[in-house]
Amino acid sequence: MNEHLTTSIQDYLKTIYTLTADGGEASTSALASRLGVAPASVTGMLQKLASIEPPLVIYRKHQGATLTRAGERAALEVLRHHRLLETYLVESLGYSWDAVHEEACRLEHVISEDFEQRIAEQLGHPERDPHGSLIPTSTLVMPPSNDVLLSSLRGGESAVVRRMRSEDAITLRRLESLGLVPGAEVTVLVNSQFDGNLTIQVASRQPVAIDPAVSDQVFVETTEGT
């Protein structure tokens, strides 16, 4: 871990990476909302991160921020810690998948690289965390992904659930109640162009209707031949 980076800086870098990795923008307002701070504080931090040596972000007023290569590596290191910790908490300590995010957020900043390596070895070097998110490699490279949002599928298409966008406990419990967990097979029966609602069938369950508030939280990989 880059010891000169404060917890706050690491949180900013991780959040910028997460927002932009899913196709969003790391705007001042998006960062303020995600981090729970005032927009003026975000602007000040982005200016700071853009001016240090080496710069960790590229900041453009009214356009938001993107990570430099140095910033991306720092973000990936925090994400690797976070996702390995979540996996360890679930697989080794018996936590449920909706109860690990806050614990991992507290621990990700303080574990040593030796501790990270020992966790990875004990877990068998997992590729994904309990929410299905890919874990950056030990060389700080994010593995490639073919994930798309469940909401983008057309009627008749089938897919395998890969990961969740949100780590919010209430959202995760809702998804679990629907059977929408990593590895689950799902078929879109109807995609309503009027309101974006989907009628889906998860494995052998009865079909159920879901709205975009649910389908936009689930990333899937389409099944070959659909």
Protein backbone atom coordinates (compact mmCIF):
# COMPACT_ATOMS: atom_id res chain seq x y z
CA MET A 1 0.00 0.00 0.00
CA ASN A 2 1.20 3.54 -0.76
CA GLU A 3 1.73 4.67 2.82
CA HIS A 4 1.83 8.37 1.95
CA LEU A 5 -1.77 8.27 0.71
CA THR A 6 -4.30 9.09 3.37
CA THR A 7 -7.48 7.08 3.89
CA SER A 8 -9.45 9.95 2.34
CA ILE A 9 -7.29 10.02 -0.78
CA GLN A 10 -7.57 6.26 -1.18
CA ASP A 11 -11.37 6.52 -0.90
CA TYR A 12 -11.45 9.18 -3.61
CA LEU A 13 -9.30 7.14 -5.98
CA LYS A 14 -11.32 3.98 -5.40
CA THR A 15 -14.59 5.82 -5.97
CA ILE A 16 -13.36 7.50 -9.17
CA TYR A 17 -12.26 4.13 -10.49
CA THR A 18 -15.56 2.47 -9.63
CA LEU A 19 -17.69 5.23 -11.15
CA THR A 20 -15.77 5.29 -14.42
CA ALA A 21 -15.31 1.50 -14.71
CA ASP A 22 -19.08 1.03 -15.00
CA GLY A 23 -19.36 3.64 -17.71
CA GLY A 24 -20.27 6.58 -15.50
CA GLU A 25 -18.58 9.90 -14.95
CA ALA A 26 -16.60 10.91 -11.90
CA SER A 27 -18.22 14.33 -11.76
CA THR A 28 -18.03 16.54 -8.71
CA SER A 29 -21.69 15.89 -7.92
CA ALA A 30 -21.37 12.11 -8.38
CA LEU A 31 -18.34 11.98 -6.09
CA ALA A 32 -20.01 14.20 -3.50
CA SER A 33 -23.06 11.93 -3.47
CA ARG A 34 -21.08 8.69 -3.28
CA LEU A 35 -18.66 9.92 -0.62
CA GLY A 36 -21.16 11.93 1.42
CA VAL A 37 -19.21 15.19 1.32
CA ALA A 38 -19.86 18.71 0.06
CA PRO A 39 -19.16 19.48 -3.64
CA ALA A 40 -16.72 22.21 -2.60
CA SER A 41 -14.71 19.64 -0.64
CA VAL A 42 -14.62 17.37 -3.70
CA THR A 43 -13.34 20.19 -5.88
CA GLY A 44 -10.58 20.98 -3.42
CA MET A 45 -9.49 17.34 -3.18
CA LEU A 46 -9.49 16.85 -6.96
CA GLN A 47 -7.35 19.95 -7.41
CA LYS A 48 -4.96 18.61 -4.78
CA LEU A 49 -4.75 15.16 -6.41
CA ALA A 50 -4.09 16.76 -9.80
CA SER A 51 -1.26 18.95 -8.48
CA ILE A 52 0.80 16.48 -6.43
CA GLU A 53 3.77 14.63 -7.93
CA PRO A 54 3.08 12.31 -9.56
CA PRO A 55 -0.46 13.51 -10.33
CA LEU A 56 -3.12 10.98 -9.37
CA VAL A 57 -6.01 12.49 -11.33
CA ILE A 58 -6.67 14.66 -14.34
CA TYR A 59 -9.23 17.24 -13.26
CA ARG A 60 -11.20 19.46 -15.63
CA LYS A 61 -13.56 22.02 -14.17
CA HIS A 62 -17.22 21.20 -14.88
CA GLN A 63 -16.14 17.86 -16.40
CA GLY A 64 -14.94 15.90 -13.39
CA ALA A 65 -11.92 13.67 -12.95
CA THR A 66 -10.19 10.69 -14.50
CA LEU A 67 -7.33 8.71 -13.00
CA THR A 68 -3.76 8.89 -14.19
CA ARG A 69 -1.87 5.61 -14.40
CA ALA A 70 -0.42 6.26 -10.94
CA GLY A 71 -3.89 7.00 -9.60
CA GLU A 72 -5.32 3.89 -11.22
CA ARG A 73 -2.68 1.64 -9.66
CA ALA A 74 -3.34 3.14 -6.24
CA ALA A 75 -7.08 2.62 -6.71
CA LEU A 76 -6.61 -0.98 -7.84
CA GLU A 77 -4.49 -1.72 -4.78
CA VAL A 78 -7.24 -0.51 -2.46
CA LEU A 79 -9.84 -2.44 -4.45
CA ARG A 80 -7.74 -5.60 -4.27
CA HIS A 81 -7.52 -5.28 -0.49
CA HIS A 82 -11.24 -4.56 -0.22
CA ARG A 83 -12.42 -7.45 -2.36
CA LEU A 84 -10.03 -9.98 -0.86
CA LEU A 85 -11.16 -8.93 2.61
CA GLU A 86 -14.82 -9.33 1.67
CA THR A 87 -14.10 -12.79 0.32
CA TYR A 88 -12.17 -13.74 3.45
CA LEU A 89 -14.95 -12.49 5.72
CA VAL A 90 -17.54 -14.58 3.87
CA GLU A 91 -15.56 -17.75 3.21
CA SER A 92 -13.46 -17.97 6.37
CA LEU A 93 -15.41 -16.09 9.03
CA GLY A 94 -18.98 -16.86 8.03
CA TYR A 95 -20.22 -13.36 7.28
CA SER A 96 -23.19 -12.99 4.93
CA TRP A 97 -22.56 -11.17 1.64
CA ASP A 98 -24.68 -8.20 2.76
CA ALA A 99 -22.63 -7.62 5.94
CA VAL A 100 -19.05 -7.34 4.69
CA HIS A 101 -18.79 -4.03 2.85
CA GLU A 102 -18.39 -1.73 5.84
CA GLU A 103 -15.98 -4.12 7.57
CA ALA A 104 -13.81 -4.27 4.45
CA CYS A 105 -13.92 -0.47 4.08
CA ARG A 106 -12.44 -0.12 7.56
CA LEU A 107 -9.73 -2.75 7.06
CA GLU A 108 -8.66 -2.08 3.45
CA HIS A 109 -6.49 0.90 4.42
CA VAL A 110 -4.45 -0.77 7.14
CA ILE A 111 -3.55 -4.32 6.11
CA SER A 112 0.02 -5.00 5.01
CA GLU A 113 1.04 -6.47 1.68
CA ASP A 114 2.14 -9.62 3.50
CA PHE A 115 -1.32 -9.96 5.05
CA GLU A 116 -2.91 -9.42 1.63
CA GLN A 117 -0.74 -12.16 0.14
CA ARG A 118 -1.55 -14.60 2.94
CA ILE A 119 -5.29 -14.01 2.50
CA ALA A 120 -5.03 -14.55 -1.25
CA GLU A 121 -3.08 -17.77 -0.77
CA GLN A 122 -5.48 -19.13 1.83
CA LEU A 123 -8.45 -18.40 -0.42
CA GLY A 124 -6.80 -20.00 -3.46
CA HIS A 125 -6.32 -16.69 -5.29
CA PRO A 126 -10.00 -16.01 -6.06
CA GLU A 127 -10.96 -14.12 -9.20
CA ARG A 128 -14.18 -12.59 -7.85
CA ASP A 129 -15.46 -11.39 -4.48
CA PRO A 130 -18.79 -12.46 -2.87
CA HIS A 131 -20.67 -9.86 -4.92
CA GLY A 132 -19.10 -11.15 -8.14
CA SER A 133 -16.78 -8.18 -8.64
CA LEU A 134 -13.45 -9.02 -10.24
CA ILE A 135 -10.44 -8.86 -7.94
CA PRO A 136 -7.40 -6.99 -9.33
CA THR A 137 -4.36 -9.22 -9.72
CA SER A 138 -1.31 -9.01 -7.48
CA THR A 139 0.34 -6.98 -10.26
CA LEU A 140 -2.57 -4.50 -10.08
CA VAL A 141 -4.26 -5.38 -13.35
CA MET A 142 -8.04 -5.65 -13.55
CA PRO A 143 -9.01 -8.83 -15.41
CA PRO A 144 -11.14 -8.35 -18.55
CA SER A 145 -14.89 -8.72 -18.33
CA ASN A 146 -17.82 -9.28 -20.69
CA ASP A 147 -20.39 -8.19 -18.13
CA VAL A 148 -23.42 -6.17 -19.26
CA LEU A 149 -26.37 -4.85 -17.32
CA LEU A 150 -29.33 -7.18 -16.98
CA SER A 151 -31.53 -4.28 -18.06
CA SER A 152 -29.85 -4.29 -21.50
CA LEU A 153 -31.03 -7.81 -22.41
CA ARG A 154 -33.84 -8.34 -24.88
CA GLY A 155 -36.76 -10.71 -24.50
CA GLY A 156 -35.65 -14.31 -25.08
CA GLU A 157 -32.03 -13.74 -24.09
CA SER A 158 -30.41 -15.82 -21.35
CA ALA A 159 -27.42 -15.01 -19.20
CA VAL A 160 -25.46 -15.89 -16.07
CA VAL A 161 -25.40 -13.40 -13.21
CA ARG A 162 -21.83 -12.21 -12.67
CA ARG A 163 -21.79 -9.29 -10.26
CA MET A 164 -23.77 -6.67 -8.39
CA ARG A 165 -23.34 -2.95 -8.89
CA SER A 166 -24.39 -2.07 -5.34
CA GLU A 167 -22.99 -3.32 -2.05
CA ASP A 168 -25.86 -1.79 -0.09
CA ALA A 169 -27.17 -4.37 2.38
CA ILE A 170 -30.87 -3.79 1.67
CA THR A 171 -30.30 -4.03 -2.09
CA LEU A 172 -28.29 -7.22 -1.73
CA ARG A 173 -30.95 -8.87 0.39
CA ARG A 174 -33.58 -7.92 -2.19
CA LEU A 175 -31.52 -9.40 -5.02
CA GLU A 176 -30.89 -12.57 -3.03
CA SER A 177 -34.61 -12.99 -2.39
CA LEU A 178 -35.12 -12.96 -6.17
CA GLY A 179 -32.36 -15.51 -6.72
CA LEU A 180 -30.20 -12.92 -8.47
CA VAL A 181 -26.84 -13.98 -7.06
CA PRO A 182 -23.53 -14.65 -8.82
CA GLY A 183 -23.72 -17.82 -10.89
CA ALA A 184 -27.50 -17.85 -11.21
CA GLU A 185 -28.98 -18.50 -14.66
CA VAL A 186 -31.56 -15.95 -15.74
CA THR A 187 -33.75 -15.63 -18.84
CA VAL A 188 -35.48 -12.41 -19.86
CA LEU A 189 -38.96 -13.32 -21.01
CA VAL A 190 -40.17 -9.78 -21.71
CA ASN A 191 -38.39 -6.43 -21.85
CA SER A 192 -40.99 -3.66 -21.80
CA GLN A 193 -39.91 -0.76 -23.98
CA PHE A 194 -42.54 1.41 -22.30
CA ASP A 195 -41.21 1.43 -18.74
CA GLY A 196 -38.06 -0.70 -18.83
CA ASN A 197 -39.58 -3.40 -16.63
CA LEU A 198 -38.39 -6.95 -17.21
CA THR A 199 -40.18 -10.23 -16.74
CA ILE A 200 -37.46 -12.73 -15.85
CA GLN A 201 -37.10 -16.35 -14.86
CA VAL A 202 -34.24 -17.24 -12.54
CA ALA A 203 -33.28 -20.93 -12.80
CA SER A 204 -36.46 -22.98 -12.20
CA ARG A 205 -38.28 -20.28 -10.21
CA GLN A 206 -41.57 -18.79 -11.26
CA PRO A 207 -41.30 -15.77 -13.59
CA VAL A 208 -41.23 -12.42 -11.81
CA ALA A 209 -41.40 -8.80 -12.92
CA ILE A 210 -38.63 -6.42 -11.89
CA ASP A 211 -38.16 -2.71 -12.51
CA PRO A 212 -35.00 -0.84 -13.58
CA ALA A 213 -34.15 -0.12 -9.94
CA VAL A 214 -33.39 -3.84 -9.70
CA SER A 215 -32.17 -4.73 -13.20
CA ASP A 216 -29.70 -1.83 -13.23
CA GLN A 217 -27.97 -3.32 -10.17
CA VAL A 218 -27.14 -6.66 -11.81
CA PHE A 219 -24.38 -7.37 -14.32
CA VAL A 220 -24.63 -10.56 -16.37
CA GLU A 221 -22.74 -12.44 -19.06
CA THR A 222 -24.94 -13.53 -21.92
CA THR A 223 -25.09 -17.22 -22.74
CA GLU A 224 -23.59 -18.33 -26.05
CA GLY A 225 -26.13 -18.96 -28.75
CA THR A 226 -28.81 -16.62 -27.45
